[in-house]
Structure formats: C-alpha cells, structure tokens
Amino acid sequence: MINGKQRSYLRGLAHDLDPIVHIGRAGLTENVIKELDTALESRELVKVKLQDGCGLTPRDAANQACEMLDAEFVQSIGKRFSIYRQSRENKTIVLPGRDKK
C-alpha cells in the first residue's frame, strides 16, 4: 500500500509518460491484462488510455486492473489513468520513505 507522499511522487513521474496500453470497446480483456502485467514488470509505472467506445470509466477500469494485477492506483485524468506495481526483477523506482531493498 502506498501513502499520499508516494502517490504524489508517482504522479510527478507519470506526468511525462505516454500511454503504452490502450483499452478498447471490449474492455479489460485477458490480452489487455497480460499486456499490463508485462508493462508493470518492466516499467513499474504505466499510463493507460481508454479508447472511444469503451464502456468503462477510467476509475472503474483502473480499479479492476489494480485488483487483478495486485497494483496500486496512482491517478486518473480524462480518459487516462496511471497504475504502479513494484517489479520483482527490475526495480527502478525508489519511493520516498521506502528502503532500497
């Protein structure tokens, strides 16, 4: 679980990111979840965009994805949201207040 200071730090990092995963009309499919899982493992912080026609709100999609992937919701702006999960193999982001284990 991340705290407010850590979430704020991640929001700053996510600001310049481009969306690398797009959710279309079909919603959170198995392939989208696999893509998110791979992206989180390699990058830790991922920005996602909902395409026109997607029946989910960004907040709903983010909450469902976080629950399925054991990730943390960072923020939602417009049709985009950011999520974070610490990588098991490729730890690159050091959150404020956490040890560098």
PDB file of N, CA and C in Angstrom:
ATOM      1  N   MET A   1       0.848  -1.182   0.000  1.00  0.00           N
ATOM      2  CA  MET A   1       0.000   0.000   0.000  1.00  0.00           C
ATOM      3  C   MET A   1       0.889   1.241   0.000  1.00  0.00           C
ATOM      4  N   ILE A   2       0.612   2.165  -0.893  1.00  0.00           N
ATOM      5  CA  ILE A   2       1.391   3.385  -0.949  1.00  0.00           C
ATOM      6  C   ILE A   2       0.666   4.509  -0.211  1.00  0.00           C
ATOM      7  N   ASN A   3       1.459   5.428   0.353  1.00  0.00           N
ATOM      8  CA  ASN A   3       0.849   6.536   1.088  1.00  0.00           C
ATOM      9  C   ASN A   3       0.721   7.770   0.183  1.00  0.00           C
ATOM     10  N   GLY A   4       0.208   8.856   0.715  1.00  0.00           N
ATOM     11  CA  GLY A   4      -0.048  10.053  -0.071  1.00  0.00           C
ATOM     12  C   GLY A   4       1.205  10.669  -0.673  1.00  0.00           C
ATOM     13  N   LYS A   5       2.285  10.697   0.100  1.00  0.00           N
ATOM     14  CA  LYS A   5       3.538  11.264  -0.394  1.00  0.00           C
ATOM     15  C   LYS A   5       4.079  10.431  -1.559  1.00  0.00           C
ATOM     16  N   GLN A   6       3.998   9.126  -1.442  1.00  0.00           N
ATOM     17  CA  GLN A   6       4.458   8.234  -2.507  1.00  0.00           C
ATOM     18  C   GLN A   6       3.581   8.376  -3.748  1.00  0.00           C
ATOM     19  N   ARG A   7       2.274   8.487  -3.556  1.00  0.00           N
ATOM     20  CA  ARG A   7       1.346   8.662  -4.678  1.00  0.00           C
ATOM     21  C   ARG A   7       1.651   9.978  -5.408  1.00  0.00           C
ATOM     22  N   SER A   8       1.925  11.029  -4.651  1.00  0.00           N
ATOM     23  CA  SER A   8       2.268  12.319  -5.239  1.00  0.00           C
ATOM     24  C   SER A   8       3.564  12.223  -6.049  1.00  0.00           C
ATOM     25  N   TYR A   9       4.539  11.515  -5.530  1.00  0.00           N
ATOM     26  CA  TYR A   9       5.808  11.306  -6.236  1.00  0.00           C
ATOM     27  C   TYR A   9       5.556  10.557  -7.560  1.00  0.00           C
ATOM     28  N   LEU A  10       4.723   9.519  -7.512  1.00  0.00           N
ATOM     29  CA  LEU A  10       4.408   8.737  -8.715  1.00  0.00           C
ATOM     30  C   LEU A  10       3.621   9.568  -9.727  1.00  0.00           C
ATOM     31  N   ARG A  11       2.744  10.444  -9.255  1.00  0.00           N
ATOM     32  CA  ARG A  11       2.011  11.331 -10.171  1.00  0.00           C
ATOM     33  C   ARG A  11       2.981  12.213 -10.941  1.00  0.00           C
ATOM     34  N   GLY A  12       4.007  12.697 -10.261  1.00  0.00           N
ATOM     35  CA  GLY A  12       5.016  13.512 -10.920  1.00  0.00           C
ATOM     36  C   GLY A  12       5.774  12.732 -11.988  1.00  0.00           C
ATOM     37  N   LEU A  13       6.104  11.482 -11.684  1.00  0.00           N
ATOM     38  CA  LEU A  13       6.795  10.631 -12.656  1.00  0.00           C
ATOM     39  C   LEU A  13       5.890  10.302 -13.839  1.00  0.00           C
ATOM     40  N   ALA A  14       4.605  10.098 -13.578  1.00  0.00           N
ATOM     41  CA  ALA A  14       3.658   9.698 -14.626  1.00  0.00           C
ATOM     42  C   ALA A  14       3.310  10.850 -15.562  1.00  0.00           C
ATOM     43  N   HIS A  15       3.533  12.065 -15.128  1.00  0.00           N
ATOM     44  CA  HIS A  15       3.132  13.225 -15.921  1.00  0.00           C
ATOM     45  C   HIS A  15       3.682  13.178 -17.347  1.00  0.00           C
ATOM     46  N   ASP A  16       4.952  12.835 -17.517  1.00  0.00           N
ATOM     47  CA  ASP A  16       5.587  12.851 -18.837  1.00  0.00           C
ATOM     48  C   ASP A  16       5.469  11.538 -19.598  1.00  0.00           C
ATOM     49  N   LEU A  17       4.840  10.547 -19.000  1.00  0.00           N
ATOM     50  CA  LEU A  17       4.701   9.251 -19.682  1.00  0.00           C
ATOM     51  C   LEU A  17       3.623   9.306 -20.757  1.00  0.00           C
ATOM     52  N   ASP A  18       3.865   8.571 -21.827  1.00  0.00           N
ATOM     53  CA  ASP A  18       2.835   8.376 -22.845  1.00  0.00           C
ATOM     54  C   ASP A  18       2.099   7.082 -22.535  1.00  0.00           C
ATOM     55  N   PRO A  19       0.812   6.997 -22.861  1.00  0.00           N
ATOM     56  CA  PRO A  19       0.084   5.740 -22.647  1.00  0.00           C
ATOM     57  C   PRO A  19       0.688   4.628 -23.506  1.00  0.00           C
ATOM     58  N   ILE A  20       0.965   3.486 -22.889  1.00  0.00           N
ATOM     59  CA  ILE A  20       1.523   2.369 -23.653  1.00  0.00           C
ATOM     60  C   ILE A  20       0.525   1.227 -23.796  1.00  0.00           C
ATOM     61  N   VAL A  21      -0.562   1.286 -23.039  1.00  0.00           N
ATOM     62  CA  VAL A  21      -1.624   0.283 -23.149  1.00  0.00           C
ATOM     63  C   VAL A  21      -2.918   1.032 -23.442  1.00  0.00           C
ATOM     64  N   HIS A  22      -3.677   0.518 -24.401  1.00  0.00           N
ATOM     65  CA  HIS A  22      -4.949   1.131 -24.783  1.00  0.00           C
ATOM     66  C   HIS A  22      -6.069   0.123 -24.562  1.00  0.00           C
ATOM     67  N   ILE A  23      -7.138   0.572 -23.947  1.00  0.00           N
ATOM     68  CA  ILE A  23      -8.291  -0.285 -23.685  1.00  0.00           C
ATOM     69  C   ILE A  23      -9.397   0.133 -24.641  1.00  0.00           C
ATOM     70  N   GLY A  24      -9.863  -0.810 -25.442  1.00  0.00           N
ATOM     71  CA  GLY A  24     -10.867  -0.522 -26.454  1.00  0.00           C
ATOM     72  C   GLY A  24     -12.268  -0.900 -26.035  1.00  0.00           C
ATOM     73  N   ARG A  25     -13.099  -1.098 -27.020  1.00  0.00           N
ATOM     74  CA  ARG A  25     -14.518  -1.392 -26.825  1.00  0.00           C
ATOM     75  C   ARG A  25     -14.753  -2.665 -26.002  1.00  0.00           C
ATOM     76  N   ALA A  26     -13.855  -3.641 -26.141  1.00  0.00           N
ATOM     77  CA  ALA A  26     -14.020  -4.917 -25.438  1.00  0.00           C
ATOM     78  C   ALA A  26     -13.699  -4.816 -23.944  1.00  0.00           C
ATOM     79  N   GLY A  27     -13.100  -3.723 -23.511  1.00  0.00           N
ATOM     80  CA  GLY A  27     -12.805  -3.531 -22.091  1.00  0.00           C
ATOM     81  C   GLY A  27     -11.535  -4.244 -21.658  1.00  0.00           C
ATOM     82  N   LEU A  28     -11.519  -4.664 -20.407  1.00  0.00           N
ATOM     83  CA  LEU A  28     -10.339  -5.321 -19.842  1.00  0.00           C
ATOM     84  C   LEU A  28     -10.327  -6.802 -20.215  1.00  0.00           C
ATOM     85  N   THR A  29      -9.828  -7.088 -21.387  1.00  0.00           N
ATOM     86  CA  THR A  29      -9.753  -8.466 -21.854  1.00  0.00           C
ATOM     87  C   THR A  29      -8.527  -9.153 -21.258  1.00  0.00           C
ATOM     88  N   GLU A  30      -8.448 -10.445 -21.452  1.00  0.00           N
ATOM     89  CA  GLU A  30      -7.301 -11.219 -20.968  1.00  0.00           C
ATOM     90  C   GLU A  30      -6.003 -10.694 -21.576  1.00  0.00           C
ATOM     91  N   ASN A  31      -6.043 -10.332 -22.852  1.00  0.00           N
ATOM     92  CA  ASN A  31      -4.839  -9.813 -23.509  1.00  0.00           C
ATOM     93  C   ASN A  31      -4.410  -8.458 -22.945  1.00  0.00           C
ATOM     94  N   VAL A  32      -5.364  -7.596 -22.626  1.00  0.00           N
ATOM     95  CA  VAL A  32      -5.034  -6.300 -22.032  1.00  0.00           C
ATOM     96  C   VAL A  32      -4.396  -6.509 -20.666  1.00  0.00           C
ATOM     97  N   ILE A  33      -4.929  -7.421 -19.876  1.00  0.00           N
ATOM     98  CA  ILE A  33      -4.367  -7.709 -18.552  1.00  0.00           C
ATOM     99  C   ILE A  33      -2.948  -8.262 -18.681  1.00  0.00           C
ATOM    100  N   LYS A  34      -2.725  -9.157 -19.650  1.00  0.00           N
ATOM    101  CA  LYS A  34      -1.370  -9.691 -19.870  1.00  0.00           C
ATOM    102  C   LYS A  34      -0.407  -8.575 -20.264  1.00  0.00           C
ATOM    103  N   GLU A  35      -0.858  -7.678 -21.127  1.00  0.00           N
ATOM    104  CA  GLU A  35      -0.028  -6.556 -21.571  1.00  0.00           C
ATOM    105  C   GLU A  35       0.307  -5.633 -20.394  1.00  0.00           C
ATOM    106  N   LEU A  36      -0.681  -5.359 -19.562  1.00  0.00           N
ATOM    107  CA  LEU A  36      -0.444  -4.537 -18.376  1.00  0.00           C
ATOM    108  C   LEU A  36       0.529  -5.210 -17.420  1.00  0.00           C
ATOM    109  N   ASP A  37       0.380  -6.508 -17.226  1.00  0.00           N
ATOM    110  CA  ASP A  37       1.267  -7.253 -16.341  1.00  0.00           C
ATOM    111  C   ASP A  37       2.715  -7.167 -16.829  1.00  0.00           C
ATOM    112  N   THR A  38       2.915  -7.363 -18.124  1.00  0.00           N
ATOM    113  CA  THR A  38       4.251  -7.280 -18.714  1.00  0.00           C
ATOM    114  C   THR A  38       4.816  -5.868 -18.571  1.00  0.00           C
ATOM    115  N   ALA A  39       3.991  -4.866 -18.847  1.00  0.00           N
ATOM    116  CA  ALA A  39       4.438  -3.476 -18.755  1.00  0.00           C
ATOM    117  C   ALA A  39       4.787  -3.094 -17.319  1.00  0.00           C
ATOM    118  N   LEU A  40       3.982  -3.528 -16.360  1.00  0.00           N
ATOM    119  CA  LEU A  40       4.271  -3.226 -14.962  1.00  0.00           C
ATOM    120  C   LEU A  40       5.561  -3.892 -14.502  1.00  0.00           C
ATOM    121  N   GLU A  41       5.815  -5.095 -14.960  1.00  0.00           N
ATOM    122  CA  GLU A  41       7.039  -5.793 -14.560  1.00  0.00           C
ATOM    123  C   GLU A  41       8.275  -5.098 -15.129  1.00  0.00           C
ATOM    124  N   SER A  42       8.170  -4.580 -16.343  1.00  0.00           N
ATOM    125  CA  SER A  42       9.342  -3.958 -16.952  1.00  0.00           C
ATOM    126  C   SER A  42       9.488  -2.474 -16.601  1.00  0.00           C
ATOM    127  N   ARG A  43       8.374  -1.765 -16.343  1.00  0.00           N
ATOM    128  CA  ARG A  43       8.436  -0.316 -16.118  1.00  0.00           C
ATOM    129  C   ARG A  43       8.014   0.133 -14.730  1.00  0.00           C
ATOM    130  N   GLU A  44       7.229  -0.651 -14.042  1.00  0.00           N
ATOM    131  CA  GLU A  44       6.667  -0.374 -12.719  1.00  0.00           C
ATOM    132  C   GLU A  44       5.545   0.669 -12.720  1.00  0.00           C
ATOM    133  N   LEU A  45       5.652   1.708 -13.525  1.00  0.00           N
ATOM    134  CA  LEU A  45       4.639   2.754 -13.601  1.00  0.00           C
ATOM    135  C   LEU A  45       4.131   2.822 -15.032  1.00  0.00           C
ATOM    136  N   VAL A  46       2.816   2.653 -15.200  1.00  0.00           N
ATOM    137  CA  VAL A  46       2.236   2.554 -16.542  1.00  0.00           C
ATOM    138  C   VAL A  46       1.058   3.506 -16.662  1.00  0.00           C
ATOM    139  N   LYS A  47       1.007   4.190 -17.803  1.00  0.00           N
ATOM    140  CA  LYS A  47      -0.137   5.045 -18.126  1.00  0.00           C
ATOM    141  C   LYS A  47      -0.975   4.326 -19.178  1.00  0.00           C
ATOM    142  N   VAL A  48      -2.283   4.334 -18.980  1.00  0.00           N
ATOM    143  CA  VAL A  48      -3.233   3.626 -19.837  1.00  0.00           C
ATOM    144  C   VAL A  48      -4.250   4.618 -20.373  1.00  0.00           C
ATOM    145  N   LYS A  49      -4.666   4.410 -21.622  1.00  0.00           N
ATOM    146  CA  LYS A  49      -5.691   5.269 -22.219  1.00  0.00           C
ATOM    147  C   LYS A  49      -6.893   4.434 -22.616  1.00  0.00           C
ATOM    148  N   LEU A  50      -8.085   4.939 -22.323  1.00  0.00           N
ATOM    149  CA  LEU A  50      -9.323   4.312 -22.765  1.00  0.00           C
ATOM    150  C   LEU A  50      -9.707   4.910 -24.107  1.00  0.00           C
ATOM    151  N   GLN A  51      -9.949   4.058 -25.080  1.00  0.00           N
ATOM    152  CA  GLN A  51     -10.334   4.499 -26.415  1.00  0.00           C
ATOM    153  C   GLN A  51     -11.825   4.855 -26.428  1.00  0.00           C
ATOM    154  N   ASP A  52     -12.241   5.600 -27.455  1.00  0.00           N
ATOM    155  CA  ASP A  52     -13.658   5.909 -27.620  1.00  0.00           C
ATOM    156  C   ASP A  52     -14.437   4.606 -27.780  1.00  0.00           C
ATOM    157  N   GLY A  53     -15.569   4.525 -27.170  1.00  0.00           N
ATOM    158  CA  GLY A  53     -16.393   3.323 -27.264  1.00  0.00           C
ATOM    159  C   GLY A  53     -16.205   2.371 -26.103  1.00  0.00           C
ATOM    160  N   CYS A  54     -15.205   2.597 -25.278  1.00  0.00           N
ATOM    161  CA  CYS A  54     -15.005   1.744 -24.105  1.00  0.00           C
ATOM    162  C   CYS A  54     -16.114   2.046 -23.105  1.00  0.00           C
ATOM    163  N   GLY A  55     -16.764   1.007 -22.615  1.00  0.00           N
ATOM    164  CA  GLY A  55     -17.893   1.179 -21.716  1.00  0.00           C
ATOM    165  C   GLY A  55     -17.510   1.445 -20.273  1.00  0.00           C
ATOM    166  N   LEU A  56     -16.228   1.425 -19.955  1.00  0.00           N
ATOM    167  CA  LEU A  56     -15.773   1.642 -18.582  1.00  0.00           C
ATOM    168  C   LEU A  56     -15.340   3.087 -18.369  1.00  0.00           C
ATOM    169  N   THR A  57     -15.471   3.555 -17.141  1.00  0.00           N
ATOM    170  CA  THR A  57     -14.870   4.835 -16.792  1.00  0.00           C
ATOM    171  C   THR A  57     -13.405   4.565 -16.470  1.00  0.00           C
ATOM    172  N   PRO A  58     -12.554   5.567 -16.591  1.00  0.00           N
ATOM    173  CA  PRO A  58     -11.141   5.342 -16.270  1.00  0.00           C
ATOM    174  C   PRO A  58     -10.938   4.842 -14.834  1.00  0.00           C
ATOM    175  N   ARG A  59     -11.689   5.374 -13.907  1.00  0.00           N
ATOM    176  CA  ARG A  59     -11.539   4.964 -12.497  1.00  0.00           C
ATOM    177  C   ARG A  59     -11.962   3.505 -12.315  1.00  0.00           C
ATOM    178  N   ASP A  60     -13.070   3.094 -12.950  1.00  0.00           N
ATOM    179  CA  ASP A  60     -13.522   1.701 -12.859  1.00  0.00           C
ATOM    180  C   ASP A  60     -12.510   0.753 -13.490  1.00  0.00           C
ATOM    181  N   ALA A  61     -12.003   1.119 -14.660  1.00  0.00           N
ATOM    182  CA  ALA A  61     -11.010   0.287 -15.340  1.00  0.00           C
ATOM    183  C   ALA A  61      -9.744   0.166 -14.498  1.00  0.00           C
ATOM    184  N   ALA A  62      -9.316   1.282 -13.921  1.00  0.00           N
ATOM    185  CA  ALA A  62      -8.120   1.275 -13.081  1.00  0.00           C
ATOM    186  C   ALA A  62      -8.313   0.392 -11.856  1.00  0.00           C
ATOM    187  N   ASN A  63      -9.449   0.513 -11.202  1.00  0.00           N
ATOM    188  CA  ASN A  63      -9.714  -0.294 -10.007  1.00  0.00           C
ATOM    189  C   ASN A  63      -9.750  -1.785 -10.336  1.00  0.00           C
ATOM    190  N   GLN A  64     -10.388  -2.139 -11.446  1.00  0.00           N
ATOM    191  CA  GLN A  64     -10.439  -3.550 -11.849  1.00  0.00           C
ATOM    192  C   GLN A  64      -9.052  -4.069 -12.189  1.00  0.00           C
ATOM    193  N   ALA A  65      -8.275  -3.276 -12.935  1.00  0.00           N
ATOM    194  CA  ALA A  65      -6.926  -3.687 -13.316  1.00  0.00           C
ATOM    195  C   ALA A  65      -6.043  -3.835 -12.084  1.00  0.00           C
ATOM    196  N   CYS A  66      -6.138  -2.897 -11.157  1.00  0.00           N
ATOM    197  CA  CYS A  66      -5.329  -2.962  -9.936  1.00  0.00           C
ATOM    198  C   CYS A  66      -5.659  -4.198  -9.114  1.00  0.00           C
ATOM    199  N   GLU A  67      -6.929  -4.513  -9.039  1.00  0.00           N
ATOM    200  CA  GLU A  67      -7.352  -5.701  -8.285  1.00  0.00           C
ATOM    201  C   GLU A  67      -6.822  -6.980  -8.934  1.00  0.00           C
ATOM    202  N   MET A  68      -6.889  -7.068 -10.253  1.00  0.00           N
ATOM    203  CA  MET A  68      -6.433  -8.263 -10.966  1.00  0.00           C
ATOM    204  C   MET A  68      -4.912  -8.412 -10.948  1.00  0.00           C
ATOM    205  N   LEU A  69      -4.202  -7.286 -10.910  1.00  0.00           N
ATOM    206  CA  LEU A  69      -2.742  -7.305 -11.057  1.00  0.00           C
ATOM    207  C   LEU A  69      -1.998  -7.016  -9.758  1.00  0.00           C
ATOM    208  N   ASP A  70      -2.720  -6.842  -8.665  1.00  0.00           N
ATOM    209  CA  ASP A  70      -2.108  -6.501  -7.384  1.00  0.00           C
ATOM    210  C   ASP A  70      -1.256  -5.240  -7.524  1.00  0.00           C
ATOM    211  N   ALA A  71      -1.834  -4.226  -8.164  1.00  0.00           N
ATOM    212  CA  ALA A  71      -1.144  -2.958  -8.408  1.00  0.00           C
ATOM    213  C   ALA A  71      -1.804  -1.855  -7.590  1.00  0.00           C
ATOM    214  N   GLU A  72      -1.215  -0.672  -7.635  1.00  0.00           N
ATOM    215  CA  GLU A  72      -1.725   0.488  -6.906  1.00  0.00           C
ATOM    216  C   GLU A  72      -2.212   1.550  -7.886  1.00  0.00           C
ATOM    217  N   PHE A  73      -3.373   2.095  -7.628  1.00  0.00           N
ATOM    218  CA  PHE A  73      -3.899   3.196  -8.428  1.00  0.00           C
ATOM    219  C   PHE A  73      -3.106   4.450  -8.096  1.00  0.00           C
ATOM    220  N   VAL A  74      -2.681   5.191  -9.133  1.00  0.00           N
ATOM    221  CA  VAL A  74      -1.938   6.428  -8.924  1.00  0.00           C
ATOM    222  C   VAL A  74      -2.837   7.634  -9.179  1.00  0.00           C
ATOM    223  N   GLN A  75      -3.388   7.734 -10.393  1.00  0.00           N
ATOM    224  CA  GLN A  75      -4.285   8.845 -10.693  1.00  0.00           C
ATOM    225  C   GLN A  75      -5.071   8.577 -11.959  1.00  0.00           C
ATOM    226  N   SER A  76      -6.127   9.367 -12.131  1.00  0.00           N
ATOM    227  CA  SER A  76      -6.964   9.299 -13.318  1.00  0.00           C
ATOM    228  C   SER A  76      -7.249  10.718 -13.771  1.00  0.00           C
ATOM    229  N   ILE A  77      -6.946  11.001 -15.049  1.00  0.00           N
ATOM    230  CA  ILE A  77      -7.224  12.311 -15.623  1.00  0.00           C
ATOM    231  C   ILE A  77      -7.828  12.091 -17.005  1.00  0.00           C
ATOM    232  N   GLY A  78      -9.015  12.603 -17.224  1.00  0.00           N
ATOM    233  CA  GLY A  78      -9.681  12.424 -18.514  1.00  0.00           C
ATOM    234  C   GLY A  78      -9.908  10.952 -18.801  1.00  0.00           C
ATOM    235  N   LYS A  79      -9.449  10.495 -19.968  1.00  0.00           N
ATOM    236  CA  LYS A  79      -9.601   9.095 -20.345  1.00  0.00           C
ATOM    237  C   LYS A  79      -8.333   8.295 -20.084  1.00  0.00           C
ATOM    238  N   ARG A  80      -7.470   8.815 -19.224  1.00  0.00           N
ATOM    239  CA  ARG A  80      -6.205   8.141 -18.925  1.00  0.00           C
ATOM    240  C   ARG A  80      -6.092   7.884 -17.437  1.00  0.00           C
ATOM    241  N   PHE A  81      -5.374   6.820 -17.104  1.00  0.00           N
ATOM    242  CA  PHE A  81      -5.060   6.557 -15.708  1.00  0.00           C
ATOM    243  C   PHE A  81      -3.680   5.937 -15.614  1.00  0.00           C
ATOM    244  N   SER A  82      -3.101   6.054 -14.427  1.00  0.00           N
ATOM    245  CA  SER A  82      -1.774   5.503 -14.166  1.00  0.00           C
ATOM    246  C   SER A  82      -1.860   4.532 -13.007  1.00  0.00           C
ATOM    247  N   ILE A  83      -1.107   3.430 -13.127  1.00  0.00           N
ATOM    248  CA  ILE A  83      -1.029   2.446 -12.053  1.00  0.00           C
ATOM    249  C   ILE A  83       0.437   2.091 -11.809  1.00  0.00           C
ATOM    250  N   TYR A  84       0.716   1.599 -10.597  1.00  0.00           N
ATOM    251  CA  TYR A  84       2.076   1.270 -10.188  1.00  0.00           C
ATOM    252  C   TYR A  84       2.096  -0.106  -9.523  1.00  0.00           C
ATOM    253  N   ARG A  85       3.159  -0.846  -9.803  1.00  0.00           N
ATOM    254  CA  ARG A  85       3.429  -2.089  -9.072  1.00  0.00           C
ATOM    255  C   ARG A  85       4.939  -2.273  -9.071  1.00  0.00           C
ATOM    256  N   GLN A  86       5.491  -2.502  -7.895  1.00  0.00           N
ATOM    257  CA  GLN A  86       6.932  -2.708  -7.808  1.00  0.00           C
ATOM    258  C   GLN A  86       7.314  -3.992  -8.546  1.00  0.00           C
ATOM    259  N   SER A  87       8.347  -3.889  -9.351  1.00  0.00           N
ATOM    260  CA  SER A  87       8.816  -5.026 -10.140  1.00  0.00           C
ATOM    261  C   SER A  87       9.537  -6.024  -9.246  1.00  0.00           C
ATOM    262  N   ARG A  88       9.417  -7.299  -9.584  1.00  0.00           N
ATOM    263  CA  ARG A  88      10.126  -8.331  -8.838  1.00  0.00           C
ATOM    264  C   ARG A  88      11.585  -8.416  -9.287  1.00  0.00           C
ATOM    265  N   GLU A  89      11.837  -8.186 -10.559  1.00  0.00           N
ATOM    266  CA  GLU A  89      13.172  -8.370 -11.138  1.00  0.00           C
ATOM    267  C   GLU A  89      13.856  -7.061 -11.525  1.00  0.00           C
ATOM    268  N   ASN A  90      13.106  -6.013 -11.836  1.00  0.00           N
ATOM    269  CA  ASN A  90      13.653  -4.809 -12.440  1.00  0.00           C
ATOM    270  C   ASN A  90      13.247  -3.558 -11.656  1.00  0.00           C
ATOM    271  N   LYS A  91      13.637  -3.482 -10.375  1.00  0.00           N
ATOM    272  CA  LYS A  91      13.234  -2.358  -9.535  1.00  0.00           C
ATOM    273  C   LYS A  91      14.000  -1.102  -9.940  1.00  0.00           C
ATOM    274  N   THR A  92      13.271  -0.115 -10.461  1.00  0.00           N
ATOM    275  CA  THR A  92      13.903   1.126 -10.901  1.00  0.00           C
ATOM    276  C   THR A  92      13.386   2.340 -10.146  1.00  0.00           C
ATOM    277  N   ILE A  93      12.183   2.269  -9.615  1.00  0.00           N
ATOM    278  CA  ILE A  93      11.587   3.410  -8.908  1.00  0.00           C
ATOM    279  C   ILE A  93      11.749   3.190  -7.407  1.00  0.00           C
ATOM    280  N   VAL A  94      12.378   4.171  -6.752  1.00  0.00           N
ATOM    281  CA  VAL A  94      12.512   4.135  -5.297  1.00  0.00           C
ATOM    282  C   VAL A  94      11.548   5.161  -4.727  1.00  0.00           C
ATOM    283  N   LEU A  95      10.541   4.668  -4.039  1.00  0.00           N
ATOM    284  CA  LEU A  95       9.523   5.548  -3.465  1.00  0.00           C
ATOM    285  C   LEU A  95      10.045   6.233  -2.206  1.00  0.00           C
ATOM    286  N   PRO A  96       9.664   7.477  -1.982  1.00  0.00           N
ATOM    287  CA  PRO A  96      10.065   8.156  -0.755  1.00  0.00           C
ATOM    288  C   PRO A  96       9.551   7.393   0.461  1.00  0.00           C
ATOM    289  N   GLY A  97      10.403   7.233   1.464  1.00  0.00           N
ATOM    290  CA  GLY A  97      10.004   6.544   2.676  1.00  0.00           C
ATOM    291  C   GLY A  97      10.129   5.033   2.621  1.00  0.00           C
ATOM    292  N   ARG A  98      10.657   4.485   1.530  1.00  0.00           N
ATOM    293  CA  ARG A  98      10.868   3.038   1.431  1.00  0.00           C
ATOM    294  C   ARG A  98      12.353   2.739   1.368  1.00  0.00           C
ATOM    295  N   ASP A  99      12.714   1.602   1.929  1.00  0.00           N
ATOM    296  CA  ASP A  99      14.116   1.175   1.885  1.00  0.00           C
ATOM    297  C   ASP A  99      14.481   0.743   0.471  1.00  0.00           C
ATOM    298  N   LYS A 100      15.759   0.754   0.160  1.00  0.00           N
ATOM    299  CA  LYS A 100      16.254   0.333  -1.165  1.00  0.00           C
ATOM    300  C   LYS A 100      16.586  -1.153  -1.154  1.00  0.00           C
ATOM    301  N   LYS A 101      15.697  -1.989  -0.698  1.00  0.00           N
ATOM    302  CA  LYS A 101      15.931  -3.439  -0.606  1.00  0.00           C
ATOM    303  C   LYS A 101      15.979  -4.089  -1.953  1.00  0.00           C
TER     304      LYS A 101
END
